[in-house]
C-alpha atoms as a PDB file:
ATOM      1  CA  UNK A   1      -2.801   8.816 -28.883  1.00  0.00           C
ATOM      2  CA  UNK A   2      -0.929  10.828 -26.229  1.00  0.00           C
ATOM      3  CA  UNK A   3       2.266   9.570 -24.588  1.00  0.00           C
ATOM      4  CA  UNK A   4       0.352   8.804 -21.382  1.00  0.00           C
ATOM      5  CA  UNK A   5      -2.328   6.887 -23.275  1.00  0.00           C
ATOM      6  CA  UNK A   6       0.349   4.943 -25.150  1.00  0.00           C
ATOM      7  CA  UNK A   7       2.011   4.010 -21.849  1.00  0.00           C
ATOM      8  CA  UNK A   8      -1.298   2.857 -20.319  1.00  0.00           C
ATOM      9  CA  UNK A   9      -2.055   0.759 -23.389  1.00  0.00           C
ATOM     10  CA  UNK A  10       1.382  -0.883 -23.202  1.00  0.00           C
ATOM     11  CA  UNK A  11       0.789  -1.788 -19.548  1.00  0.00           C
ATOM     12  CA  UNK A  12      -2.686  -3.111 -20.355  1.00  0.00           C
ATOM     13  CA  UNK A  13      -1.198  -5.373 -23.046  1.00  0.00           C
ATOM     14  CA  UNK A  14       1.597  -6.577 -20.783  1.00  0.00           C
ATOM     15  CA  UNK A  15      -0.737  -7.611 -17.970  1.00  0.00           C
ATOM     16  CA  UNK A  16      -3.614  -8.653 -20.206  1.00  0.00           C
ATOM     17  CA  UNK A  17      -1.767 -10.552 -22.940  1.00  0.00           C
ATOM     18  CA  UNK A  18       1.908 -11.153 -22.123  1.00  0.00           C
ATOM     19  CA  UNK A  19       1.518 -12.387 -18.541  1.00  0.00           C
ATOM     20  CA  UNK A  20      -0.643 -15.445 -17.933  1.00  0.00           C
ATOM     21  CA  UNK A  21       0.739 -16.206 -14.465  1.00  0.00           C
ATOM     22  CA  UNK A  22       3.438 -14.995 -12.099  1.00  0.00           C
ATOM     23  CA  UNK A  23       5.767 -17.546 -13.733  1.00  0.00           C
ATOM     24  CA  UNK A  24       5.861 -15.317 -16.838  1.00  0.00           C
ATOM     25  CA  UNK A  25       7.538 -12.435 -14.973  1.00  0.00           C
ATOM     26  CA  UNK A  26      11.106 -11.792 -16.143  1.00  0.00           C
ATOM     27  CA  UNK A  27      12.378 -10.344 -12.852  1.00  0.00           C
ATOM     28  CA  UNK A  28      11.659 -10.863  -9.162  1.00  0.00           C
ATOM     29  CA  UNK A  29      10.458  -7.288  -8.558  1.00  0.00           C
ATOM     30  CA  UNK A  30       6.792  -8.309  -8.453  1.00  0.00           C
ATOM     31  CA  UNK A  31       7.384 -11.410  -6.367  1.00  0.00           C
ATOM     32  CA  UNK A  32       6.723 -11.979  -2.676  1.00  0.00           C
ATOM     33  CA  UNK A  33       9.847 -12.536  -0.600  1.00  0.00           C
ATOM     34  CA  UNK A  34       8.404 -13.283   2.843  1.00  0.00           C
ATOM     35  CA  UNK A  35       5.598 -15.468   4.207  1.00  0.00           C
ATOM     36  CA  UNK A  36       2.417 -13.631   5.237  1.00  0.00           C
ATOM     37  CA  UNK A  37       1.332 -12.885   8.773  1.00  0.00           C
ATOM     38  CA  UNK A  38      -0.806 -15.696  10.244  1.00  0.00           C
ATOM     39  CA  UNK A  39      -4.156 -13.904   9.880  1.00  0.00           C
ATOM     40  CA  UNK A  40      -3.344 -13.037   6.254  1.00  0.00           C
ATOM     41  CA  UNK A  41      -2.252 -16.621   5.573  1.00  0.00           C
ATOM     42  CA  UNK A  42      -5.592 -17.902   6.893  1.00  0.00           C
ATOM     43  CA  UNK A  43      -7.501 -15.516   4.632  1.00  0.00           C
ATOM     44  CA  UNK A  44      -5.267 -16.312   1.652  1.00  0.00           C
ATOM     45  CA  UNK A  45      -5.996 -20.033   2.021  1.00  0.00           C
ATOM     46  CA  UNK A  46      -9.630 -19.283   1.157  1.00  0.00           C
ATOM     47  CA  UNK A  47      -8.786 -17.538  -2.136  1.00  0.00           C
ATOM     48  CA  UNK A  48      -9.344 -19.429  -5.389  1.00  0.00           C
ATOM     49  CA  UNK A  49      -6.180 -21.025  -6.784  1.00  0.00           C
ATOM     50  CA  UNK A  50      -6.426 -19.407 -10.243  1.00  0.00           C
ATOM     51  CA  UNK A  51      -6.472 -15.968  -8.662  1.00  0.00           C
ATOM     52  CA  UNK A  52      -3.381 -16.744  -6.608  1.00  0.00           C
ATOM     53  CA  UNK A  53      -1.423 -17.971  -9.635  1.00  0.00           C
ATOM     54  CA  UNK A  54      -2.190 -14.740 -11.518  1.00  0.00           C
ATOM     55  CA  UNK A  55      -1.077 -12.421  -8.738  1.00  0.00           C
ATOM     56  CA  UNK A  56       1.641  -9.819  -9.284  1.00  0.00           C
ATOM     57  CA  UNK A  57       2.617  -7.928  -6.143  1.00  0.00           C
ATOM     58  CA  UNK A  58       5.678  -6.739  -4.237  1.00  0.00           C
ATOM     59  CA  UNK A  59       4.582  -6.383  -0.613  1.00  0.00           C
ATOM     60  CA  UNK A  60       1.851  -6.486   1.983  1.00  0.00           C
ATOM     61  CA  UNK A  61      -0.505  -3.519   1.637  1.00  0.00           C
ATOM     62  CA  UNK A  62      -3.034  -4.807   4.168  1.00  0.00           C
ATOM     63  CA  UNK A  63      -3.103  -2.882   7.465  1.00  0.00           C
ATOM     64  CA  UNK A  64      -4.758  -3.884  10.725  1.00  0.00           C
ATOM     65  CA  UNK A  65      -8.112  -2.776  12.174  1.00  0.00           C
ATOM     66  CA  UNK A  66     -10.257  -3.195   9.062  1.00  0.00           C
ATOM     67  CA  UNK A  67     -13.512  -4.631  10.385  1.00  0.00           C
ATOM     68  CA  UNK A  68     -16.451  -2.657   8.988  1.00  0.00           C
ATOM     69  CA  UNK A  69     -14.221  -0.475   6.779  1.00  0.00           C
ATOM     70  CA  UNK A  70     -14.837   0.529   3.179  1.00  0.00           C
ATOM     71  CA  UNK A  71     -11.630  -0.347   1.333  1.00  0.00           C
ATOM     72  CA  UNK A  72     -10.506   0.603  -2.174  1.00  0.00           C
ATOM     73  CA  UNK A  73      -7.899  -1.569  -3.952  1.00  0.00           C
ATOM     74  CA  UNK A  74      -6.141   0.396  -6.699  1.00  0.00           C
ATOM     75  CA  UNK A  75      -5.037  -1.812  -9.583  1.00  0.00           C
ATOM     76  CA  UNK A  76      -6.689  -4.888  -8.110  1.00  0.00           C
ATOM     77  CA  UNK A  77      -5.817  -7.223 -10.999  1.00  0.00           C
ATOM     78  CA  UNK A  78      -7.489 -10.599 -10.580  1.00  0.00           C
ATOM     79  CA  UNK A  79      -8.618  -9.698  -7.069  1.00  0.00           C
ATOM     80  CA  UNK A  80      -6.353 -11.610  -4.706  1.00  0.00           C
ATOM     81  CA  UNK A  81      -5.994  -8.786  -2.175  1.00  0.00           C
ATOM     82  CA  UNK A  82      -9.688  -7.896  -2.555  1.00  0.00           C
ATOM     83  CA  UNK A  83     -10.741 -11.382  -1.497  1.00  0.00           C
ATOM     84  CA  UNK A  84      -8.315 -11.286   1.446  1.00  0.00           C
ATOM     85  CA  UNK A  85      -9.670  -7.866   2.443  1.00  0.00           C
ATOM     86  CA  UNK A  86     -13.227  -9.147   2.077  1.00  0.00           C
ATOM     87  CA  UNK A  87     -12.648 -11.475   4.997  1.00  0.00           C
ATOM     88  CA  UNK A  88     -10.898  -8.846   7.124  1.00  0.00           C
ATOM     89  CA  UNK A  89     -13.545  -6.119   6.736  1.00  0.00           C
ATOM     90  CA  UNK A  90     -16.287  -8.692   7.335  1.00  0.00           C
ATOM     91  CA  UNK A  91     -19.954  -8.554   6.341  1.00  0.00           C
ATOM     92  CA  UNK A  92     -20.354  -5.001   7.680  1.00  0.00           C
ATOM     93  CA  UNK A  93     -17.525  -3.697   5.469  1.00  0.00           C
ATOM     94  CA  UNK A  94     -17.023  -3.530   1.724  1.00  0.00           C
ATOM     95  CA  UNK A  95     -14.219  -3.746  -0.836  1.00  0.00           C
ATOM     96  CA  UNK A  96     -14.060  -2.154  -4.287  1.00  0.00           C
ATOM     97  CA  UNK A  97     -11.333  -3.234  -6.690  1.00  0.00           C
ATOM     98  CA  UNK A  98     -10.432  -0.951  -9.607  1.00  0.00           C
ATOM     99  CA  UNK A  99      -8.377  -2.024 -12.613  1.00  0.00           C
ATOM    100  CA  UNK A 100      -8.048  -0.936 -16.246  1.00  0.00           C
ATOM    101  CA  UNK A 101      -7.364  -4.437 -17.629  1.00  0.00           C
ATOM    102  CA  UNK A 102     -10.589  -6.158 -18.633  1.00  0.00           C
ATOM    103  CA  UNK A 103      -9.074  -9.649 -18.870  1.00  0.00           C
ATOM    104  CA  UNK A 104      -7.779  -9.420 -15.294  1.00  0.00           C
ATOM    105  CA  UNK A 105     -11.155  -8.282 -13.994  1.00  0.00           C
ATOM    106  CA  UNK A 106     -12.829 -11.128 -15.861  1.00  0.00           C
ATOM    107  CA  UNK A 107     -10.860 -13.616 -13.758  1.00  0.00           C
ATOM    108  CA  UNK A 108     -11.727 -11.743 -10.547  1.00  0.00           C
ATOM    109  CA  UNK A 109     -15.442 -11.716 -11.379  1.00  0.00           C
ATOM    110  CA  UNK A 110     -15.481 -15.332 -12.560  1.00  0.00           C
ATOM    111  CA  UNK A 111     -14.715 -16.524  -9.031  1.00  0.00           C
ATOM    112  CA  UNK A 112     -16.918 -14.068  -7.141  1.00  0.00           C
ATOM    113  CA  UNK A 113     -19.662 -16.619  -6.424  1.00  0.00           C
ATOM    114  CA  UNK A 114     -17.060 -19.119  -5.223  1.00  0.00           C
ATOM    115  CA  UNK A 115     -15.933 -16.651  -2.566  1.00  0.00           C
ATOM    116  CA  UNK A 116     -19.455 -15.630  -1.606  1.00  0.00           C
ATOM    117  CA  UNK A 117     -20.216 -19.274  -0.810  1.00  0.00           C
ATOM    118  CA  UNK A 118     -16.898 -19.636   1.008  1.00  0.00           C
ATOM    119  CA  UNK A 119     -17.309 -16.511   3.149  1.00  0.00           C
ATOM    120  CA  UNK A 120     -21.086 -16.566   3.587  1.00  0.00           C
ATOM    121  CA  UNK A 121     -21.580 -12.974   2.432  1.00  0.00           C
ATOM    122  CA  UNK A 122     -20.996 -10.724  -0.593  1.00  0.00           C
ATOM    123  CA  UNK A 123     -19.056  -7.503  -0.045  1.00  0.00           C
ATOM    124  CA  UNK A 124     -16.664  -7.244  -3.031  1.00  0.00           C
ATOM    125  CA  UNK A 125     -17.229  -5.322  -6.250  1.00  0.00           C
ATOM    126  CA  UNK A 126     -14.890  -4.964  -9.242  1.00  0.00           C
ATOM    127  CA  UNK A 127     -14.979  -1.882 -11.463  1.00  0.00           C
ATOM    128  CA  UNK A 128     -13.103  -1.119 -14.644  1.00  0.00           C
ATOM    129  CA  UNK A 129     -11.448   2.283 -14.560  1.00  0.00           C
ATOM    130  CA  UNK A 130      -8.251   4.275 -14.254  1.00  0.00           C
ATOM    131  CA  UNK A 131      -6.506   5.027 -10.993  1.00  0.00           C
ATOM    132  CA  UNK A 132      -5.505   8.391 -12.501  1.00  0.00           C
ATOM    133  CA  UNK A 133      -9.214   9.304 -12.651  1.00  0.00           C
ATOM    134  CA  UNK A 134     -11.297   7.335 -10.166  1.00  0.00           C
ATOM    135  CA  UNK A 135     -14.456   8.986 -11.490  1.00  0.00           C
ATOM    136  CA  UNK A 136     -14.123   6.447 -14.327  1.00  0.00           C
ATOM    137  CA  UNK A 137     -14.814   3.800 -11.668  1.00  0.00           C
ATOM    138  CA  UNK A 138     -17.534   5.871  -9.948  1.00  0.00           C
ATOM    139  CA  UNK A 139     -15.578   6.451  -6.719  1.00  0.00           C
ATOM    140  CA  UNK A 140     -17.080   9.462  -4.963  1.00  0.00           C
ATOM    141  CA  UNK A 141     -15.375  12.156  -2.903  1.00  0.00           C
ATOM    142  CA  UNK A 142     -14.538  11.159   0.690  1.00  0.00           C
ATOM    143  CA  UNK A 143     -16.155   7.735   0.356  1.00  0.00           C
ATOM    144  CA  UNK A 144     -13.273   5.425   1.303  1.00  0.00           C
ATOM    145  CA  UNK A 145     -11.847   4.582   4.753  1.00  0.00           C
ATOM    146  CA  UNK A 146      -8.708   2.847   3.494  1.00  0.00           C
ATOM    147  CA  UNK A 147      -7.013   2.806   0.077  1.00  0.00           C
ATOM    148  CA  UNK A 148      -4.525   0.040  -0.715  1.00  0.00           C
ATOM    149  CA  UNK A 149      -2.396  -0.849  -3.723  1.00  0.00           C
ATOM    150  CA  UNK A 150       0.106  -3.606  -4.420  1.00  0.00           C
ATOM    151  CA  UNK A 151       2.908  -2.692  -6.843  1.00  0.00           C
ATOM    152  CA  UNK A 152       0.669  -0.700  -9.217  1.00  0.00           C
ATOM    153  CA  UNK A 153       1.246   3.040  -8.688  1.00  0.00           C
ATOM    154  CA  UNK A 154       4.706   2.715 -10.264  1.00  0.00           C
ATOM    155  CA  UNK A 155       3.007   1.565 -13.491  1.00  0.00           C
ATOM    156  CA  UNK A 156       1.083   4.810 -13.888  1.00  0.00           C
ATOM    157  CA  UNK A 157       2.402   7.452 -16.328  1.00  0.00           C
ATOM    158  CA  UNK A 158       0.649  10.152 -14.282  1.00  0.00           C
ATOM    159  CA  UNK A 159       1.508   9.588 -10.636  1.00  0.00           C
ATOM    160  CA  UNK A 160       0.553  13.115  -9.449  1.00  0.00           C
ATOM    161  CA  UNK A 161      -3.014  12.465 -10.644  1.00  0.00           C
ATOM    162  CA  UNK A 162      -3.062   9.083  -8.886  1.00  0.00           C
ATOM    163  CA  UNK A 163      -2.105  10.633  -5.556  1.00  0.00           C
ATOM    164  CA  UNK A 164      -4.534  13.530  -5.946  1.00  0.00           C
ATOM    165  CA  UNK A 165      -7.341  11.077  -6.696  1.00  0.00           C
ATOM    166  CA  UNK A 166      -6.497   8.932  -3.681  1.00  0.00           C
ATOM    167  CA  UNK A 167      -6.744  11.882  -1.326  1.00  0.00           C
ATOM    168  CA  UNK A 168      -9.928  13.059  -3.044  1.00  0.00           C
ATOM    169  CA  UNK A 169     -11.744   9.788  -2.363  1.00  0.00           C
ATOM    170  CA  UNK A 170     -10.355   9.149   1.122  1.00  0.00           C
ATOM    171  CA  UNK A 171     -12.515  10.236   4.012  1.00  0.00           C
ATOM    172  CA  UNK A 172     -11.017  12.759   6.452  1.00  0.00           C
ATOM    173  CA  UNK A 173      -8.604  10.827   8.708  1.00  0.00           C
ATOM    174  CA  UNK A 174      -8.602   7.946   6.186  1.00  0.00           C
ATOM    175  CA  UNK A 175      -5.494   5.921   5.384  1.00  0.00           C
ATOM    176  CA  UNK A 176      -3.444   5.115   2.294  1.00  0.00           C
ATOM    177  CA  UNK A 177      -1.446   1.917   2.814  1.00  0.00           C
ATOM    178  CA  UNK A 178       0.403   0.569  -0.206  1.00  0.00           C
ATOM    179  CA  UNK A 179       3.448  -1.369  -1.371  1.00  0.00           C
ATOM    180  CA  UNK A 180       5.466  -0.393  -4.410  1.00  0.00           C
ATOM    181  CA  UNK A 181       8.883  -0.363  -6.036  1.00  0.00           C
ATOM    182  CA  UNK A 182      11.073   2.702  -5.523  1.00  0.00           C
ATOM    183  CA  UNK A 183      14.443   3.585  -7.057  1.00  0.00           C
ATOM    184  CA  UNK A 184      17.498   5.138  -5.419  1.00  0.00           C
ATOM    185  CA  UNK A 185      17.695   7.711  -8.234  1.00  0.00           C
ATOM    186  CA  UNK A 186      15.622   9.074 -11.115  1.00  0.00           C
ATOM    187  CA  UNK A 187      15.239   6.452 -13.842  1.00  0.00           C
ATOM    188  CA  UNK A 188      16.908   7.517 -17.151  1.00  0.00           C
ATOM    189  CA  UNK A 189      14.308   8.217 -19.885  1.00  0.00           C
ATOM    190  CA  UNK A 190      15.483   5.365 -22.130  1.00  0.00           C
ATOM    191  CA  UNK A 191      14.951   2.849 -19.309  1.00  0.00           C
ATOM    192  CA  UNK A 192      11.632   4.377 -18.255  1.00  0.00           C
ATOM    193  CA  UNK A 193      10.346   3.958 -21.829  1.00  0.00           C
ATOM    194  CA  UNK A 194      11.326   0.289 -22.121  1.00  0.00           C
ATOM    195  CA  UNK A 195       8.053  -1.724 -22.211  1.00  0.00           C
ATOM    196  CA  UNK A 196       9.495  -4.755 -20.401  1.00  0.00           C
ATOM    197  CA  UNK A 197      11.114  -2.690 -17.648  1.00  0.00           C
ATOM    198  CA  UNK A 198       7.873  -0.751 -17.288  1.00  0.00           C
ATOM    199  CA  UNK A 199       5.768  -3.911 -17.099  1.00  0.00           C
ATOM    200  CA  UNK A 200       8.170  -5.456 -14.591  1.00  0.00           C
ATOM    201  CA  UNK A 201       7.586  -2.475 -12.230  1.00  0.00           C
ATOM    202  CA  UNK A 202      11.114  -1.115 -12.706  1.00  0.00           C
ATOM    203  CA  UNK A 203      10.958   1.480 -15.491  1.00  0.00           C
ATOM    204  CA  UNK A 204       8.246   3.476 -13.747  1.00  0.00           C
ATOM    205  CA  UNK A 205       9.678   3.250 -10.233  1.00  0.00           C
ATOM    206  CA  UNK A 206       9.770   6.621  -8.506  1.00  0.00           C
ATOM    207  CA  UNK A 207      12.843   8.092  -6.880  1.00  0.00           C
ATOM    208  CA  UNK A 208      11.856   8.207  -3.200  1.00  0.00           C
ATOM    209  CA  UNK A 209      12.517  11.930  -2.758  1.00  0.00           C
ATOM    210  CA  UNK A 210      10.361  12.749  -5.798  1.00  0.00           C
ATOM    211  CA  UNK A 211       7.593  10.604  -4.313  1.00  0.00           C
ATOM    212  CA  UNK A 212       7.858  12.496  -1.014  1.00  0.00           C
ATOM    213  CA  UNK A 213       7.506  15.792  -2.883  1.00  0.00           C
ATOM    214  CA  UNK A 214       4.507  14.557  -4.894  1.00  0.00           C
ATOM    215  CA  UNK A 215       2.823  13.370  -1.726  1.00  0.00           C
ATOM    216  CA  UNK A 216       3.369  16.752  -0.085  1.00  0.00           C
ATOM    217  CA  UNK A 217       1.850  18.458  -3.134  1.00  0.00           C
ATOM    218  CA  UNK A 218      -1.189  16.200  -2.648  1.00  0.00           C
ATOM    219  CA  UNK A 219      -1.585  17.494   0.910  1.00  0.00           C
ATOM    220  CA  UNK A 220       0.233  14.765   2.858  1.00  0.00           C
ATOM    221  CA  UNK A 221       3.293  16.195   4.608  1.00  0.00           C
ATOM    222  CA  UNK A 222       4.301  13.130   6.638  1.00  0.00           C
ATOM    223  CA  UNK A 223       4.305   9.638   5.100  1.00  0.00           C
ATOM    224  CA  UNK A 224       5.804   6.708   6.997  1.00  0.00           C
ATOM    225  CA  UNK A 225       7.734   3.660   5.841  1.00  0.00           C
ATOM    226  CA  UNK A 226       6.398   0.407   7.317  1.00  0.00           C
ATOM    227  CA  UNK A 227       8.717  -2.090   5.638  1.00  0.00           C
ATOM    228  CA  UNK A 228      11.570  -1.838   3.160  1.00  0.00           C
ATOM    229  CA  UNK A 229      13.601  -4.520   1.377  1.00  0.00           C
ATOM    230  CA  UNK A 230      16.129  -4.528  -1.436  1.00  0.00           C
ATOM    231  CA  UNK A 231      14.813  -6.011  -4.682  1.00  0.00           C
ATOM    232  CA  UNK A 232      16.954  -8.693  -6.314  1.00  0.00           C
ATOM    233  CA  UNK A 233      16.355  -8.484 -10.074  1.00  0.00           C
ATOM    234  CA  UNK A 234      17.260 -12.167 -10.686  1.00  0.00           C
ATOM    235  CA  UNK A 235      17.766 -11.565 -14.410  1.00  0.00           C
ATOM    236  CA  UNK A 236      21.402 -10.870 -15.409  1.00  0.00           C
ATOM    237  CA  UNK A 237      20.492  -9.268 -18.740  1.00  0.00           C
ATOM    238  CA  UNK A 238      17.990  -6.840 -17.233  1.00  0.00           C
ATOM    239  CA  UNK A 239      20.287  -6.155 -14.278  1.00  0.00           C
ATOM    240  CA  UNK A 240      23.072  -5.165 -16.697  1.00  0.00           C
ATOM    241  CA  UNK A 241      20.653  -2.980 -18.642  1.00  0.00           C
ATOM    242  CA  UNK A 242      19.697  -1.130 -15.449  1.00  0.00           C
ATOM    243  CA  UNK A 243      23.307  -0.250 -14.657  1.00  0.00           C
ATOM    244  CA  UNK A 244      23.745   0.890 -11.084  1.00  0.00           C
ATOM    245  CA  UNK A 245      20.102   1.674 -10.267  1.00  0.00           C
ATOM    246  CA  UNK A 246      19.039   0.018  -7.015  1.00  0.00           C
ATOM    247  CA  UNK A 247      15.407  -0.811  -6.261  1.00  0.00           C
ATOM    248  CA  UNK A 248      13.520  -1.366  -3.033  1.00  0.00           C
ATOM    249  CA  UNK A 249      10.088  -2.710  -2.261  1.00  0.00           C
ATOM    250  CA  UNK A 250       8.599  -0.303   0.271  1.00  0.00           C
ATOM    251  CA  UNK A 251       5.320  -0.377   2.162  1.00  0.00           C
ATOM    252  CA  UNK A 252       4.093   3.155   2.830  1.00  0.00           C
ATOM    253  CA  UNK A 253       1.528   4.454   5.327  1.00  0.00           C
ATOM    254  CA  UNK A 254      -0.027   7.893   4.863  1.00  0.00           C
ATOM    255  CA  UNK A 255      -3.116   9.547   6.323  1.00  0.00           C
ATOM    256  CA  UNK A 256      -5.521  12.215   5.167  1.00  0.00           C
ATOM    257  CA  UNK A 257      -4.684  14.405   8.142  1.00  0.00           C
ATOM    258  CA  UNK A 258      -3.567  18.006   8.524  1.00  0.00           C
ATOM    259  CA  UNK A 259      -0.052  17.133   9.651  1.00  0.00           C
ATOM    260  CA  UNK A 260       3.028  19.292  10.065  1.00  0.00           C
ATOM    261  CA  UNK A 261       6.027  18.922   7.750  1.00  0.00           C
ATOM    262  CA  UNK A 262       8.349  18.252  10.683  1.00  0.00           C
ATOM    263  CA  UNK A 263       7.995  16.171  13.821  1.00  0.00           C
ATOM    264  CA  UNK A 264       7.158  18.663  16.569  1.00  0.00           C
ATOM    265  CA  UNK A 265       7.310  18.019  20.324  1.00  0.00           C
ATOM    266  CA  UNK A 266       4.221  18.769  22.412  1.00  0.00           C
ATOM    267  CA  UNK A 267       5.111  16.511  25.334  1.00  0.00           C
ATOM    268  CA  UNK A 268       2.594  13.865  24.249  1.00  0.00           C
ATOM    269  CA  UNK A 269       2.681  10.124  24.820  1.00  0.00           C
ATOM    270  CA  UNK A 270       0.539   7.121  23.966  1.00  0.00           C
ATOM    271  CA  UNK A 271      -0.161   3.746  25.547  1.00  0.00           C
ATOM    272  CA  UNK A 272      -1.209   0.773  23.414  1.00  0.00           C
ATOM    273  CA  UNK A 273      -4.017  -1.218  25.033  1.00  0.00           C
ATOM    274  CA  UNK A 274      -3.176  -4.486  23.310  1.00  0.00           C
ATOM    275  CA  UNK A 275      -6.707  -4.770  21.969  1.00  0.00           C
ATOM    276  CA  UNK A 276      -6.031  -5.334  18.259  1.00  0.00           C
ATOM    277  CA  UNK A 277      -6.768  -9.054  17.900  1.00  0.00           C
ATOM    278  CA  UNK A 278      -3.903  -9.764  15.506  1.00  0.00           C
ATOM    279  CA  UNK A 279      -1.382  -7.753  17.563  1.00  0.00           C
ATOM    280  CA  UNK A 280      -1.917  -8.473  21.276  1.00  0.00           C
ATOM    281  CA  UNK A 281       1.673  -7.800  22.343  1.00  0.00           C
ATOM    282  CA  UNK A 282       2.693  -4.826  20.222  1.00  0.00           C
ATOM    283  CA  UNK A 283       1.395  -2.527  17.496  1.00  0.00           C
ATOM    284  CA  UNK A 284       3.846  -1.419  14.792  1.00  0.00           C
ATOM    285  CA  UNK A 285       2.960   1.897  13.167  1.00  0.00           C
ATOM    286  CA  UNK A 286       6.093   2.244  11.033  1.00  0.00           C
ATOM    287  CA  UNK A 287       9.795   1.434  10.992  1.00  0.00           C
ATOM    288  CA  UNK A 288      10.509   3.473  14.096  1.00  0.00           C
ATOM    289  CA  UNK A 289       7.294   3.282  16.109  1.00  0.00           C
ATOM    290  CA  UNK A 290       6.638   0.005  17.907  1.00  0.00           C
ATOM    291  CA  UNK A 291       4.161   0.278  20.772  1.00  0.00           C
ATOM    292  CA  UNK A 292       4.432  -2.546  23.303  1.00  0.00           C
ATOM    293  CA  UNK A 293       1.226  -3.245  25.193  1.00  0.00           C
ATOM    294  CA  UNK A 294       0.938  -1.141  28.340  1.00  0.00           C
ATOM    295  CA  UNK A 295       4.153   0.826  27.766  1.00  0.00           C
ATOM    296  CA  UNK A 296       4.101   4.634  27.790  1.00  0.00           C
ATOM    297  CA  UNK A 297       5.812   5.901  24.615  1.00  0.00           C
ATOM    298  CA  UNK A 298       6.561   9.574  23.939  1.00  0.00           C
ATOM    299  CA  UNK A 299       5.566  10.660  20.426  1.00  0.00           C
ATOM    300  CA  UNK A 300       5.628  13.698  18.179  1.00  0.00           C
ATOM    301  CA  UNK A 301       2.462  15.604  17.369  1.00  0.00           C
ATOM    302  CA  UNK A 302       2.061  13.937  13.966  1.00  0.00           C
ATOM    303  CA  UNK A 303       2.339  10.433  15.406  1.00  0.00           C
ATOM    304  CA  UNK A 304      -0.159  11.328  18.127  1.00  0.00           C
ATOM    305  CA  UNK A 305      -2.612  12.434  15.426  1.00  0.00           C
ATOM    306  CA  UNK A 306      -2.034   9.271  13.358  1.00  0.00           C
ATOM    307  CA  UNK A 307      -3.168   7.290  16.380  1.00  0.00           C
ATOM    308  CA  UNK A 308      -5.695   9.484  18.180  1.00  0.00           C
ATOM    309  CA  UNK A 309      -7.534  10.861  15.116  1.00  0.00           C
ATOM    310  CA  UNK A 310      -7.903   7.672  13.078  1.00  0.00           C
ATOM    311  CA  UNK A 311      -9.616   4.288  13.346  1.00  0.00           C
ATOM    312  CA  UNK A 312      -6.745   3.157  15.604  1.00  0.00           C
ATOM    313  CA  UNK A 313      -7.852   5.516  18.417  1.00  0.00           C
ATOM    314  CA  UNK A 314      -9.965   2.984  20.379  1.00  0.00           C
ATOM    315  CA  UNK A 315      -6.880   0.827  20.863  1.00  0.00           C
ATOM    316  CA  UNK A 316      -4.710   3.533  22.462  1.00  0.00           C
ATOM    317  CA  UNK A 317      -4.694   5.980  25.353  1.00  0.00           C
ATOM    318  CA  UNK A 318      -3.393   9.446  24.493  1.00  0.00           C
ATOM    319  CA  UNK A 319      -1.569  11.433  27.163  1.00  0.00           C
ATOM    320  CA  UNK A 320      -1.312  15.194  26.742  1.00  0.00           C
ATOM    321  CA  UNK A 321      -2.428  17.689  24.102  1.00  0.00           C
ATOM    322  CA  UNK A 322      -0.890  20.384  21.912  1.00  0.00           C
ATOM    323  CA  UNK A 323      -1.274  23.320  24.267  1.00  0.00           C
ATOM    324  CA  UNK A 324       2.486  23.599  24.858  1.00  0.00           C
ATOM    325  CA  UNK A 325       5.211  23.322  22.211  1.00  0.00           C
ATOM    326  CA  UNK A 326       8.733  22.165  23.115  1.00  0.00           C
ATOM    327  CA  UNK A 327      10.459  22.440  19.730  1.00  0.00           C
ATOM    328  CA  UNK A 328      11.466  19.673  17.324  1.00  0.00           C
ATOM    329  CA  UNK A 329      10.965  16.029  18.249  1.00  0.00           C
ATOM    330  CA  UNK A 330      13.672  13.496  17.379  1.00  0.00           C
ATOM    331  CA  UNK A 331      11.519  11.124  15.345  1.00  0.00           C
ATOM    332  CA  UNK A 332      14.221   9.349  13.320  1.00  0.00           C
ATOM    333  CA  UNK A 333      14.646   5.589  13.674  1.00  0.00           C
ATOM    334  CA  UNK A 334      17.730   4.266  15.373  1.00  0.00           C
ATOM    335  CA  UNK A 335      19.573   1.421  13.644  1.00  0.00           C
ATOM    336  CA  UNK A 336      18.345  -0.982  16.364  1.00  0.00           C
ATOM    337  CA  UNK A 337      14.733   0.108  15.833  1.00  0.00           C
ATOM    338  CA  UNK A 338      15.044  -0.375  12.055  1.00  0.00           C
ATOM    339  CA  UNK A 339      16.586  -3.817  12.532  1.00  0.00           C
ATOM    340  CA  UNK A 340      13.949  -4.871  15.076  1.00  0.00           C
ATOM    341  CA  UNK A 341      11.077  -3.742  12.860  1.00  0.00           C
ATOM    342  CA  UNK A 342      12.552  -5.332   9.745  1.00  0.00           C
ATOM    343  CA  UNK A 343      13.055  -8.672  11.508  1.00  0.00           C
ATOM    344  CA  UNK A 344       9.462  -8.764  12.780  1.00  0.00           C
ATOM    345  CA  UNK A 345       7.779  -7.495   9.599  1.00  0.00           C
ATOM    346  CA  UNK A 346       6.367  -9.901   7.053  1.00  0.00           C
ATOM    347  CA  UNK A 347       5.331  -9.336   3.465  1.00  0.00           C
ATOM    348  CA  UNK A 348       2.430 -11.105   1.837  1.00  0.00           C
END
């Protein structure tokens, strides 16, 4: 058995045998800190109770504008997010959940008929497979509109393969929207190998700058942070073991677009129409792009593409093109913008 196979088997045992509910977690890394947005809360209320009690997640990897979309949930576990997504994509959309742990999938499938009766349609499928090789779950090239994941990518021993596979199966202009645990430095090997730390989503947490480099190698040169919060370990023994390593739960948005590696200024602007049902007053793209309805907002070329070349385009008006270049665009968030976004963002 290779080192990667050994690591996958240890994770499978931890989530298939050690954990029976979220109460069995030894830290708070895979716990939800904030109440969900109202439309998510409504959908969550329809999910079977057993599935909710066996949920392990660290954020809210469910974007807006999903009706009719084909969504892939990486590391779906017992299917909580899949059954939320089922309601948001509606009968014209579909959701595929992929997980390597058979016992988790058994719970998800056991309650499939319950949700079909509840929703009035069937649009969710669960497949056993590896997120490092989505061919094992029969996910074809460019077949997915949106890929989501909730605190799972950190568990993988082969993160470059995970990211390559995501961008293989995403359609052109598709979106990756996921929450995960990131570290403020590279995790020492002895901590990364600890089975409990690994299972608790800490040992395998990526250093953010290494993640940015891996994403660029996968073809994505501009990923955005939607939300970010410090993780409280809530276990003195494990906290002492970790030393000074700090962890954050981060929700990341990335697109399968040919973007530039810097924010460039082409004199473009966008106006949000206010037509997303769940966001009538403002649309938040990331931690430094909040678009109030009707307000003209200047944007860099990458941000313009994230809006005008994706499924969000019908909800915006784009002003200008890329015929004239004006140099670099100051696309960094101010402290006030970060504070405003953080105060309005909710995790689920």
